[in-house]
């Protein structure tokens, strides 16, 4: 069970790094991203820090708001 939890944490951490990368690429603040998708800034912060697991629908909206594809946003390579 701990191994699965560790893998989940790594996935969320890498997803957060991807979100932050695409946000910064557009020179957007977390607040601006949140406004674009009608979310709380604190939720964007939690995502970028790998603390939340968003729904696929939310990720789709987020990718669109960051001018990227869902595929690129989810491009996570882990040595599992």
C-alpha atoms as a PDB file:
ATOM      1  CA  UNK A   1       0.000   0.000   0.000  1.00  0.00           C
ATOM      2  CA  UNK A   2       2.824   2.419   0.792  1.00  0.00           C
ATOM      3  CA  UNK A   3       4.347   1.876  -2.655  1.00  0.00           C
ATOM      4  CA  UNK A   4       1.066   2.834  -4.363  1.00  0.00           C
ATOM      5  CA  UNK A   5       0.779   5.902  -2.162  1.00  0.00           C
ATOM      6  CA  UNK A   6       4.336   6.868  -3.050  1.00  0.00           C
ATOM      7  CA  UNK A   7       3.593   6.488  -6.758  1.00  0.00           C
ATOM      8  CA  UNK A   8       0.419   8.564  -6.395  1.00  0.00           C
ATOM      9  CA  UNK A   9       2.382  11.301  -4.635  1.00  0.00           C
ATOM     10  CA  UNK A  10       5.010  11.319  -7.404  1.00  0.00           C
ATOM     11  CA  UNK A  11       2.350  11.564 -10.091  1.00  0.00           C
ATOM     12  CA  UNK A  12       0.638  14.481  -8.352  1.00  0.00           C
ATOM     13  CA  UNK A  13       3.975  16.227  -7.788  1.00  0.00           C
ATOM     14  CA  UNK A  14       4.910  15.924 -11.470  1.00  0.00           C
ATOM     15  CA  UNK A  15       1.449  17.065 -12.541  1.00  0.00           C
ATOM     16  CA  UNK A  16       1.884  20.107 -10.320  1.00  0.00           C
ATOM     17  CA  UNK A  17       5.229  20.880 -11.912  1.00  0.00           C
ATOM     18  CA  UNK A  18       3.638  20.648 -15.367  1.00  0.00           C
ATOM     19  CA  UNK A  19       0.822  22.990 -14.355  1.00  0.00           C
ATOM     20  CA  UNK A  20       3.304  25.495 -12.964  1.00  0.00           C
ATOM     21  CA  UNK A  21       5.479  25.234 -16.107  1.00  0.00           C
ATOM     22  CA  UNK A  22       2.618  26.003 -18.490  1.00  0.00           C
ATOM     23  CA  UNK A  23       1.298  28.778 -16.210  1.00  0.00           C
ATOM     24  CA  UNK A  24       4.689  30.482 -16.055  1.00  0.00           C
ATOM     25  CA  UNK A  25       5.182  30.004 -19.798  1.00  0.00           C
ATOM     26  CA  UNK A  26       2.179  32.312 -20.247  1.00  0.00           C
ATOM     27  CA  UNK A  27       3.375  34.680 -17.489  1.00  0.00           C
ATOM     28  CA  UNK A  28       0.171  34.096 -15.545  1.00  0.00           C
ATOM     29  CA  UNK A  29      -0.312  34.237 -11.799  1.00  0.00           C
ATOM     30  CA  UNK A  30      -2.169  31.517  -9.950  1.00  0.00           C
ATOM     31  CA  UNK A  31      -4.958  34.041  -9.416  1.00  0.00           C
ATOM     32  CA  UNK A  32      -5.252  34.683 -13.157  1.00  0.00           C
ATOM     33  CA  UNK A  33      -5.435  30.959 -13.916  1.00  0.00           C
ATOM     34  CA  UNK A  34      -8.054  30.508 -11.216  1.00  0.00           C
ATOM     35  CA  UNK A  35     -10.151  33.327 -12.686  1.00  0.00           C
ATOM     36  CA  UNK A  36      -9.943  31.785 -16.163  1.00  0.00           C
ATOM     37  CA  UNK A  37     -11.488  28.526 -14.970  1.00  0.00           C
ATOM     38  CA  UNK A  38     -13.678  29.764 -12.115  1.00  0.00           C
ATOM     39  CA  UNK A  39     -11.616  28.133  -9.363  1.00  0.00           C
ATOM     40  CA  UNK A  40     -10.031  29.250  -6.124  1.00  0.00           C
ATOM     41  CA  UNK A  41      -6.400  30.379  -6.181  1.00  0.00           C
ATOM     42  CA  UNK A  42      -5.756  28.117  -3.196  1.00  0.00           C
ATOM     43  CA  UNK A  43      -6.835  25.123  -5.290  1.00  0.00           C
ATOM     44  CA  UNK A  44      -4.349  26.044  -8.039  1.00  0.00           C
ATOM     45  CA  UNK A  45      -1.669  26.358  -5.362  1.00  0.00           C
ATOM     46  CA  UNK A  46      -2.553  22.931  -3.963  1.00  0.00           C
ATOM     47  CA  UNK A  47      -2.416  21.407  -7.459  1.00  0.00           C
ATOM     48  CA  UNK A  48       0.981  22.920  -8.176  1.00  0.00           C
ATOM     49  CA  UNK A  49       2.238  21.555  -4.865  1.00  0.00           C
ATOM     50  CA  UNK A  50       0.942  18.067  -5.615  1.00  0.00           C
ATOM     51  CA  UNK A  51      -1.565  18.115  -2.771  1.00  0.00           C
ATOM     52  CA  UNK A  52      -4.809  17.625  -4.709  1.00  0.00           C
ATOM     53  CA  UNK A  53      -6.010  15.122  -7.278  1.00  0.00           C
ATOM     54  CA  UNK A  54      -8.196  16.968  -9.796  1.00  0.00           C
ATOM     55  CA  UNK A  55     -10.944  15.472 -11.914  1.00  0.00           C
ATOM     56  CA  UNK A  56     -10.366  14.842 -15.598  1.00  0.00           C
ATOM     57  CA  UNK A  57     -12.954  17.525 -16.397  1.00  0.00           C
ATOM     58  CA  UNK A  58     -11.050  20.067 -14.300  1.00  0.00           C
ATOM     59  CA  UNK A  59      -7.763  19.086 -15.965  1.00  0.00           C
ATOM     60  CA  UNK A  60      -9.364  19.570 -19.381  1.00  0.00           C
ATOM     61  CA  UNK A  61     -10.489  23.091 -18.436  1.00  0.00           C
ATOM     62  CA  UNK A  62      -7.096  23.833 -16.930  1.00  0.00           C
ATOM     63  CA  UNK A  63      -5.189  22.647 -20.007  1.00  0.00           C
ATOM     64  CA  UNK A  64      -7.402  24.771 -22.242  1.00  0.00           C
ATOM     65  CA  UNK A  65      -6.841  27.836 -20.048  1.00  0.00           C
ATOM     66  CA  UNK A  66      -3.069  27.268 -20.246  1.00  0.00           C
ATOM     67  CA  UNK A  67      -3.148  26.998 -24.056  1.00  0.00           C
ATOM     68  CA  UNK A  68      -1.947  23.416 -24.007  1.00  0.00           C
ATOM     69  CA  UNK A  69      -3.432  20.008 -24.561  1.00  0.00           C
ATOM     70  CA  UNK A  70      -4.562  17.595 -21.907  1.00  0.00           C
ATOM     71  CA  UNK A  71      -1.974  15.190 -23.294  1.00  0.00           C
ATOM     72  CA  UNK A  72       0.859  17.683 -22.737  1.00  0.00           C
ATOM     73  CA  UNK A  73      -0.388  18.597 -19.281  1.00  0.00           C
ATOM     74  CA  UNK A  74      -0.453  14.920 -18.316  1.00  0.00           C
ATOM     75  CA  UNK A  75       2.922  14.102 -19.878  1.00  0.00           C
ATOM     76  CA  UNK A  76       4.455  12.528 -16.795  1.00  0.00           C
ATOM     77  CA  UNK A  77       7.355  10.113 -17.048  1.00  0.00           C
ATOM     78  CA  UNK A  78       8.156   8.217 -13.876  1.00  0.00           C
ATOM     79  CA  UNK A  79      10.493   5.335 -13.286  1.00  0.00           C
ATOM     80  CA  UNK A  80       8.031   3.079 -11.519  1.00  0.00           C
END
